[in-house]
């Protein structure tokens, strides 16, 4: 069994302290107004140490991004394990609201992350190659909500990506939502999921299969969904 040594433990504690301090300052003052020196001073470490663990504020945001994905997946796994018998609609709501719960106080940080969406080569671009691991993990988390659902294989291949895409739109709306506790976003999520659940039944009908096949081929060719394996229903 691997044992963490005291120096390693102190290193992890220092890294965590820098990250938590930086995020507090980002929430309070914003990304642009916060400097690496501010972070180091507030965390009680030398500026060189701050740069050693995080070469830039963008690296700190990547650490935050990693942590959010990890926390979201852990919450969803635990909730789905402990809440048996949920229907499809309730499982989707669980996954979407879990993400909002984690990000409730971080709309300012989210705004900083979304600014890079239009820069494909930027390491923090939500659609760029540098964040593919985070993106794949997020999509896999949405796949957990449909793992027990009886849907055709072609829909199963598309659905997690579609849900991830919808959740990105939800987060953008969330950033601009000034209603108390962002209740408008919560209501929008609930209404959209109820509507989506009803539509899923319709698109799962055999009559729609040829159109689903065309859509699957189109999205796969565009690289938006993985190539499906196995026979489609």
C-alpha atoms as a PDB file:
ATOM      1  CA  UNK A   1       0.000   0.000   0.000  1.00  0.00           C
ATOM      2  CA  UNK A   2       1.321   3.431  -0.929  1.00  0.00           C
ATOM      3  CA  UNK A   3       2.043   5.675   2.048  1.00  0.00           C
ATOM      4  CA  UNK A   4       2.300   9.428   1.674  1.00  0.00           C
ATOM      5  CA  UNK A   5       5.475  10.744   3.304  1.00  0.00           C
ATOM      6  CA  UNK A   6       5.467  13.905   5.399  1.00  0.00           C
ATOM      7  CA  UNK A   7       7.191  16.009   2.685  1.00  0.00           C
ATOM      8  CA  UNK A   8       4.679  14.745   0.126  1.00  0.00           C
ATOM      9  CA  UNK A   9       1.820  15.511   2.494  1.00  0.00           C
ATOM     10  CA  UNK A  10       3.111  19.046   3.077  1.00  0.00           C
ATOM     11  CA  UNK A  11       3.447  19.498  -0.676  1.00  0.00           C
ATOM     12  CA  UNK A  12      -0.172  18.450  -1.219  1.00  0.00           C
ATOM     13  CA  UNK A  13      -1.306  20.735   1.598  1.00  0.00           C
ATOM     14  CA  UNK A  14       0.587  23.673   0.089  1.00  0.00           C
ATOM     15  CA  UNK A  15      -0.874  23.003  -3.346  1.00  0.00           C
ATOM     16  CA  UNK A  16      -4.395  22.777  -1.915  1.00  0.00           C
ATOM     17  CA  UNK A  17      -3.893  25.964   0.099  1.00  0.00           C
ATOM     18  CA  UNK A  18      -2.791  27.890  -2.998  1.00  0.00           C
ATOM     19  CA  UNK A  19      -5.740  26.578  -4.992  1.00  0.00           C
ATOM     20  CA  UNK A  20      -8.358  27.333  -2.331  1.00  0.00           C
ATOM     21  CA  UNK A  21      -6.880  30.789  -1.693  1.00  0.00           C
ATOM     22  CA  UNK A  22      -6.836  31.606  -5.403  1.00  0.00           C
ATOM     23  CA  UNK A  23     -10.435  30.536  -5.858  1.00  0.00           C
ATOM     24  CA  UNK A  24     -11.525  32.650  -2.893  1.00  0.00           C
ATOM     25  CA  UNK A  25      -9.818  35.678  -4.419  1.00  0.00           C
ATOM     26  CA  UNK A  26     -11.266  34.943  -7.860  1.00  0.00           C
ATOM     27  CA  UNK A  27     -14.751  34.801  -6.329  1.00  0.00           C
ATOM     28  CA  UNK A  28     -14.183  38.003  -4.387  1.00  0.00           C
ATOM     29  CA  UNK A  29     -12.185  40.194  -6.759  1.00  0.00           C
ATOM     30  CA  UNK A  30     -12.399  38.470 -10.134  1.00  0.00           C
ATOM     31  CA  UNK A  31      -9.750  36.759 -12.226  1.00  0.00           C
ATOM     32  CA  UNK A  32      -8.263  39.849 -13.844  1.00  0.00           C
ATOM     33  CA  UNK A  33      -7.906  41.829 -10.613  1.00  0.00           C
ATOM     34  CA  UNK A  34      -6.169  38.977  -8.788  1.00  0.00           C
ATOM     35  CA  UNK A  35      -2.419  38.538  -9.247  1.00  0.00           C
ATOM     36  CA  UNK A  36      -0.213  35.564  -8.474  1.00  0.00           C
ATOM     37  CA  UNK A  37       1.447  37.713  -5.802  1.00  0.00           C
ATOM     38  CA  UNK A  38      -1.944  38.336  -4.205  1.00  0.00           C
ATOM     39  CA  UNK A  39      -2.518  34.602  -4.111  1.00  0.00           C
ATOM     40  CA  UNK A  40       0.910  33.832  -2.663  1.00  0.00           C
ATOM     41  CA  UNK A  41       0.616  36.523   0.012  1.00  0.00           C
ATOM     42  CA  UNK A  42      -2.853  35.415   1.036  1.00  0.00           C
ATOM     43  CA  UNK A  43      -1.822  31.741   1.100  1.00  0.00           C
ATOM     44  CA  UNK A  44       1.273  32.544   3.150  1.00  0.00           C
ATOM     45  CA  UNK A  45       3.749  31.099   0.665  1.00  0.00           C
ATOM     46  CA  UNK A  46       6.606  32.554  -1.360  1.00  0.00           C
ATOM     47  CA  UNK A  47       5.756  33.798  -4.840  1.00  0.00           C
ATOM     48  CA  UNK A  48       8.187  31.265  -6.298  1.00  0.00           C
ATOM     49  CA  UNK A  49       6.352  28.464  -4.511  1.00  0.00           C
ATOM     50  CA  UNK A  50       3.046  29.615  -5.949  1.00  0.00           C
ATOM     51  CA  UNK A  51       4.517  29.564  -9.451  1.00  0.00           C
ATOM     52  CA  UNK A  52       6.085  26.160  -8.772  1.00  0.00           C
ATOM     53  CA  UNK A  53       2.716  24.556  -8.129  1.00  0.00           C
ATOM     54  CA  UNK A  54       0.719  26.683 -10.562  1.00  0.00           C
ATOM     55  CA  UNK A  55       2.682  28.403 -13.355  1.00  0.00           C
ATOM     56  CA  UNK A  56      -0.239  30.747 -14.093  1.00  0.00           C
ATOM     57  CA  UNK A  57      -3.759  31.706 -13.105  1.00  0.00           C
ATOM     58  CA  UNK A  58      -4.929  29.590 -16.024  1.00  0.00           C
ATOM     59  CA  UNK A  59      -3.237  26.566 -14.444  1.00  0.00           C
ATOM     60  CA  UNK A  60      -5.166  27.284 -11.252  1.00  0.00           C
ATOM     61  CA  UNK A  61      -8.413  27.381 -13.221  1.00  0.00           C
ATOM     62  CA  UNK A  62      -7.508  24.055 -14.800  1.00  0.00           C
ATOM     63  CA  UNK A  63      -7.042  22.636 -11.303  1.00  0.00           C
ATOM     64  CA  UNK A  64     -10.453  24.004 -10.402  1.00  0.00           C
ATOM     65  CA  UNK A  65     -11.940  22.529 -13.586  1.00  0.00           C
ATOM     66  CA  UNK A  66     -10.488  19.107 -12.727  1.00  0.00           C
ATOM     67  CA  UNK A  67     -11.863  19.317  -9.208  1.00  0.00           C
ATOM     68  CA  UNK A  68     -15.365  20.231 -10.363  1.00  0.00           C
ATOM     69  CA  UNK A  69     -15.515  17.278 -12.764  1.00  0.00           C
ATOM     70  CA  UNK A  70     -14.244  14.900 -10.103  1.00  0.00           C
ATOM     71  CA  UNK A  71     -16.715  16.180  -7.527  1.00  0.00           C
ATOM     72  CA  UNK A  72     -19.637  16.071  -9.951  1.00  0.00           C
ATOM     73  CA  UNK A  73     -18.946  12.485 -10.930  1.00  0.00           C
ATOM     74  CA  UNK A  74     -18.546  11.412  -7.295  1.00  0.00           C
ATOM     75  CA  UNK A  75     -21.824  13.071  -6.279  1.00  0.00           C
ATOM     76  CA  UNK A  76     -23.733  11.533  -9.141  1.00  0.00           C
ATOM     77  CA  UNK A  77     -22.356   8.044  -8.510  1.00  0.00           C
ATOM     78  CA  UNK A  78     -23.207   8.262  -4.815  1.00  0.00           C
ATOM     79  CA  UNK A  79     -26.689   9.698  -5.428  1.00  0.00           C
ATOM     80  CA  UNK A  80     -27.600   7.132  -8.079  1.00  0.00           C
ATOM     81  CA  UNK A  81     -26.315   4.316  -5.879  1.00  0.00           C
ATOM     82  CA  UNK A  82     -28.301   5.451  -2.848  1.00  0.00           C
ATOM     83  CA  UNK A  83     -31.480   6.453  -4.700  1.00  0.00           C
ATOM     84  CA  UNK A  84     -32.753   3.317  -6.376  1.00  0.00           C
ATOM     85  CA  UNK A  85     -35.929   3.307  -8.397  1.00  0.00           C
ATOM     86  CA  UNK A  86     -35.618   6.788  -9.882  1.00  0.00           C
ATOM     87  CA  UNK A  87     -37.183   7.221 -13.285  1.00  0.00           C
ATOM     88  CA  UNK A  88     -35.297   8.626 -16.261  1.00  0.00           C
ATOM     89  CA  UNK A  89     -36.501  12.176 -15.723  1.00  0.00           C
ATOM     90  CA  UNK A  90     -35.507  12.189 -12.050  1.00  0.00           C
ATOM     91  CA  UNK A  91     -32.055  10.794 -12.850  1.00  0.00           C
ATOM     92  CA  UNK A  92     -31.443  13.543 -15.380  1.00  0.00           C
ATOM     93  CA  UNK A  93     -32.560  16.204 -12.918  1.00  0.00           C
ATOM     94  CA  UNK A  94     -30.225  14.724 -10.321  1.00  0.00           C
ATOM     95  CA  UNK A  95     -27.217  15.003 -12.657  1.00  0.00           C
ATOM     96  CA  UNK A  96     -27.995  18.550 -13.815  1.00  0.00           C
ATOM     97  CA  UNK A  97     -28.822  19.928 -10.374  1.00  0.00           C
ATOM     98  CA  UNK A  98     -25.747  18.299  -8.832  1.00  0.00           C
ATOM     99  CA  UNK A  99     -23.613  20.370 -11.201  1.00  0.00           C
ATOM    100  CA  UNK A 100     -25.492  23.548 -10.319  1.00  0.00           C
ATOM    101  CA  UNK A 101     -25.105  22.814  -6.604  1.00  0.00           C
ATOM    102  CA  UNK A 102     -21.334  22.562  -6.992  1.00  0.00           C
ATOM    103  CA  UNK A 103     -21.117  25.770  -9.028  1.00  0.00           C
ATOM    104  CA  UNK A 104     -23.712  27.804  -7.143  1.00  0.00           C
ATOM    105  CA  UNK A 105     -21.194  30.341  -5.810  1.00  0.00           C
ATOM    106  CA  UNK A 106     -18.865  30.249  -8.788  1.00  0.00           C
ATOM    107  CA  UNK A 107     -20.674  32.123 -11.535  1.00  0.00           C
ATOM    108  CA  UNK A 108     -17.838  34.644 -11.620  1.00  0.00           C
ATOM    109  CA  UNK A 109     -15.280  31.883 -12.136  1.00  0.00           C
ATOM    110  CA  UNK A 110     -17.466  30.267 -14.786  1.00  0.00           C
ATOM    111  CA  UNK A 111     -17.535  33.550 -16.659  1.00  0.00           C
ATOM    112  CA  UNK A 112     -13.730  33.513 -16.720  1.00  0.00           C
ATOM    113  CA  UNK A 113     -13.717  29.964 -18.092  1.00  0.00           C
ATOM    114  CA  UNK A 114     -16.301  30.658 -20.785  1.00  0.00           C
ATOM    115  CA  UNK A 115     -14.265  33.553 -22.157  1.00  0.00           C
ATOM    116  CA  UNK A 116     -11.889  30.996 -23.695  1.00  0.00           C
ATOM    117  CA  UNK A 117     -14.603  28.960 -25.467  1.00  0.00           C
ATOM    118  CA  UNK A 118     -13.901  30.717 -28.759  1.00  0.00           C
ATOM    119  CA  UNK A 119     -10.152  30.018 -28.629  1.00  0.00           C
ATOM    120  CA  UNK A 120      -9.701  26.348 -29.661  1.00  0.00           C
ATOM    121  CA  UNK A 121      -5.969  26.287 -28.898  1.00  0.00           C
ATOM    122  CA  UNK A 122      -6.290  27.813 -25.432  1.00  0.00           C
ATOM    123  CA  UNK A 123      -5.650  25.256 -22.637  1.00  0.00           C
ATOM    124  CA  UNK A 124      -8.921  26.237 -20.939  1.00  0.00           C
ATOM    125  CA  UNK A 125     -11.170  26.164 -24.006  1.00  0.00           C
ATOM    126  CA  UNK A 126     -14.143  23.956 -23.119  1.00  0.00           C
ATOM    127  CA  UNK A 127     -14.191  22.662 -26.701  1.00  0.00           C
ATOM    128  CA  UNK A 128     -10.448  22.462 -27.275  1.00  0.00           C
ATOM    129  CA  UNK A 129      -8.092  19.463 -27.269  1.00  0.00           C
ATOM    130  CA  UNK A 130      -6.454  20.473 -23.980  1.00  0.00           C
ATOM    131  CA  UNK A 131      -9.691  19.926 -22.037  1.00  0.00           C
ATOM    132  CA  UNK A 132     -10.750  16.735 -23.798  1.00  0.00           C
ATOM    133  CA  UNK A 133     -10.113  14.637 -20.698  1.00  0.00           C
ATOM    134  CA  UNK A 134     -12.426  16.862 -18.660  1.00  0.00           C
ATOM    135  CA  UNK A 135     -14.994  16.817 -21.439  1.00  0.00           C
ATOM    136  CA  UNK A 136     -14.903  13.013 -21.734  1.00  0.00           C
ATOM    137  CA  UNK A 137     -15.286  12.668 -17.986  1.00  0.00           C
ATOM    138  CA  UNK A 138     -18.264  15.034 -17.961  1.00  0.00           C
ATOM    139  CA  UNK A 139     -19.924  13.129 -20.817  1.00  0.00           C
ATOM    140  CA  UNK A 140     -19.306   9.852 -18.977  1.00  0.00           C
ATOM    141  CA  UNK A 141     -21.046  11.306 -15.934  1.00  0.00           C
ATOM    142  CA  UNK A 142     -24.139  12.099 -18.002  1.00  0.00           C
ATOM    143  CA  UNK A 143     -23.993   8.570 -19.405  1.00  0.00           C
ATOM    144  CA  UNK A 144     -24.540   7.273 -15.871  1.00  0.00           C
ATOM    145  CA  UNK A 145     -28.059   8.728 -15.924  1.00  0.00           C
ATOM    146  CA  UNK A 146     -29.061   6.563 -18.888  1.00  0.00           C
ATOM    147  CA  UNK A 147     -27.156   3.365 -18.148  1.00  0.00           C
ATOM    148  CA  UNK A 148     -30.307   1.540 -16.945  1.00  0.00           C
ATOM    149  CA  UNK A 149     -32.607   3.093 -19.521  1.00  0.00           C
ATOM    150  CA  UNK A 150     -33.911   0.932 -22.371  1.00  0.00           C
ATOM    151  CA  UNK A 151     -33.105   2.997 -25.435  1.00  0.00           C
ATOM    152  CA  UNK A 152     -31.847   2.019 -28.901  1.00  0.00           C
ATOM    153  CA  UNK A 153     -28.059   1.738 -29.201  1.00  0.00           C
ATOM    154  CA  UNK A 154     -27.836   4.630 -31.653  1.00  0.00           C
ATOM    155  CA  UNK A 155     -29.588   6.944 -29.205  1.00  0.00           C
ATOM    156  CA  UNK A 156     -27.431   5.662 -26.366  1.00  0.00           C
ATOM    157  CA  UNK A 157     -24.377   6.708 -28.335  1.00  0.00           C
ATOM    158  CA  UNK A 158     -25.649  10.241 -28.954  1.00  0.00           C
ATOM    159  CA  UNK A 159     -27.514  10.974 -25.738  1.00  0.00           C
ATOM    160  CA  UNK A 160     -24.595  11.626 -23.322  1.00  0.00           C
ATOM    161  CA  UNK A 161     -23.045  14.098 -25.769  1.00  0.00           C
ATOM    162  CA  UNK A 162     -26.417  15.791 -26.285  1.00  0.00           C
ATOM    163  CA  UNK A 163     -26.898  16.076 -22.523  1.00  0.00           C
ATOM    164  CA  UNK A 164     -23.392  17.496 -22.051  1.00  0.00           C
ATOM    165  CA  UNK A 165     -24.074  20.049 -24.795  1.00  0.00           C
ATOM    166  CA  UNK A 166     -27.369  21.015 -23.167  1.00  0.00           C
ATOM    167  CA  UNK A 167     -25.621  21.395 -19.822  1.00  0.00           C
ATOM    168  CA  UNK A 168     -23.094  23.777 -21.373  1.00  0.00           C
ATOM    169  CA  UNK A 169     -25.969  25.941 -22.556  1.00  0.00           C
ATOM    170  CA  UNK A 170     -27.470  25.708 -19.077  1.00  0.00           C
ATOM    171  CA  UNK A 171     -24.224  26.961 -17.525  1.00  0.00           C
ATOM    172  CA  UNK A 172     -24.084  29.916 -19.891  1.00  0.00           C
ATOM    173  CA  UNK A 173     -27.641  30.865 -18.898  1.00  0.00           C
ATOM    174  CA  UNK A 174     -26.679  30.279 -15.259  1.00  0.00           C
ATOM    175  CA  UNK A 175     -23.883  32.852 -15.499  1.00  0.00           C
ATOM    176  CA  UNK A 176     -26.328  35.555 -16.569  1.00  0.00           C
ATOM    177  CA  UNK A 177     -29.183  34.505 -14.278  1.00  0.00           C
ATOM    178  CA  UNK A 178     -29.652  37.212 -11.640  1.00  0.00           C
ATOM    179  CA  UNK A 179     -32.775  35.692 -10.086  1.00  0.00           C
ATOM    180  CA  UNK A 180     -32.531  34.772  -6.365  1.00  0.00           C
ATOM    181  CA  UNK A 181     -30.376  31.628  -6.015  1.00  0.00           C
ATOM    182  CA  UNK A 182     -30.621  31.381  -9.812  1.00  0.00           C
ATOM    183  CA  UNK A 183     -34.085  29.850  -9.475  1.00  0.00           C
ATOM    184  CA  UNK A 184     -34.846  30.620 -13.126  1.00  0.00           C
ATOM    185  CA  UNK A 185     -32.040  28.304 -14.195  1.00  0.00           C
ATOM    186  CA  UNK A 186     -33.353  25.579 -11.891  1.00  0.00           C
ATOM    187  CA  UNK A 187     -36.866  25.939 -13.285  1.00  0.00           C
ATOM    188  CA  UNK A 188     -35.574  25.971 -16.847  1.00  0.00           C
ATOM    189  CA  UNK A 189     -33.652  22.758 -16.219  1.00  0.00           C
ATOM    190  CA  UNK A 190     -36.692  21.014 -14.752  1.00  0.00           C
ATOM    191  CA  UNK A 191     -38.972  22.108 -17.577  1.00  0.00           C
ATOM    192  CA  UNK A 192     -36.497  21.237 -20.313  1.00  0.00           C
ATOM    193  CA  UNK A 193     -35.810  17.787 -18.854  1.00  0.00           C
ATOM    194  CA  UNK A 194     -39.537  17.022 -18.574  1.00  0.00           C
ATOM    195  CA  UNK A 195     -39.994  17.986 -22.212  1.00  0.00           C
ATOM    196  CA  UNK A 196     -36.885  16.079 -23.287  1.00  0.00           C
ATOM    197  CA  UNK A 197     -38.019  12.917 -21.495  1.00  0.00           C
ATOM    198  CA  UNK A 198     -41.294  12.989 -23.415  1.00  0.00           C
ATOM    199  CA  UNK A 199     -39.534  13.569 -26.734  1.00  0.00           C
ATOM    200  CA  UNK A 200     -37.124  10.694 -26.088  1.00  0.00           C
ATOM    201  CA  UNK A 201     -40.032   8.250 -26.157  1.00  0.00           C
ATOM    202  CA  UNK A 202     -41.078   9.543 -29.557  1.00  0.00           C
ATOM    203  CA  UNK A 203     -37.634   9.455 -31.178  1.00  0.00           C
ATOM    204  CA  UNK A 204     -37.111   5.910 -29.852  1.00  0.00           C
ATOM    205  CA  UNK A 205     -39.962   4.599 -31.999  1.00  0.00           C
ATOM    206  CA  UNK A 206     -38.938   2.227 -34.849  1.00  0.00           C
ATOM    207  CA  UNK A 207     -40.524   4.554 -37.411  1.00  0.00           C
ATOM    208  CA  UNK A 208     -37.894   7.203 -36.611  1.00  0.00           C
ATOM    209  CA  UNK A 209     -34.932   4.812 -36.869  1.00  0.00           C
ATOM    210  CA  UNK A 210     -33.853   5.860 -40.417  1.00  0.00           C
ATOM    211  CA  UNK A 211     -33.676   9.507 -39.357  1.00  0.00           C
ATOM    212  CA  UNK A 212     -31.748   8.559 -36.217  1.00  0.00           C
ATOM    213  CA  UNK A 213     -29.292   6.656 -38.368  1.00  0.00           C
ATOM    214  CA  UNK A 214     -28.695   9.677 -40.579  1.00  0.00           C
ATOM    215  CA  UNK A 215     -28.203  11.904 -37.549  1.00  0.00           C
ATOM    216  CA  UNK A 216     -25.808   9.429 -35.927  1.00  0.00           C
ATOM    217  CA  UNK A 217     -23.729   9.172 -39.108  1.00  0.00           C
ATOM    218  CA  UNK A 218     -23.633  12.933 -39.481  1.00  0.00           C
ATOM    219  CA  UNK A 219     -22.488  13.545 -35.903  1.00  0.00           C
ATOM    220  CA  UNK A 220     -19.986  10.685 -35.959  1.00  0.00           C
ATOM    221  CA  UNK A 221     -18.427  11.945 -39.197  1.00  0.00           C
ATOM    222  CA  UNK A 222     -18.156  15.393 -37.629  1.00  0.00           C
ATOM    223  CA  UNK A 223     -16.285  13.863 -34.694  1.00  0.00           C
ATOM    224  CA  UNK A 224     -18.959  14.887 -32.205  1.00  0.00           C
ATOM    225  CA  UNK A 225     -19.768  11.364 -31.011  1.00  0.00           C
ATOM    226  CA  UNK A 226     -17.627   8.230 -30.827  1.00  0.00           C
ATOM    227  CA  UNK A 227     -18.079   5.532 -33.431  1.00  0.00           C
ATOM    228  CA  UNK A 228     -20.777   3.218 -32.169  1.00  0.00           C
ATOM    229  CA  UNK A 229     -19.971  -0.413 -31.597  1.00  0.00           C
ATOM    230  CA  UNK A 230     -22.452  -3.240 -31.633  1.00  0.00           C
ATOM    231  CA  UNK A 231     -25.687  -3.708 -33.496  1.00  0.00           C
ATOM    232  CA  UNK A 232     -28.236  -0.952 -33.339  1.00  0.00           C
ATOM    233  CA  UNK A 233     -31.742  -1.819 -32.204  1.00  0.00           C
END
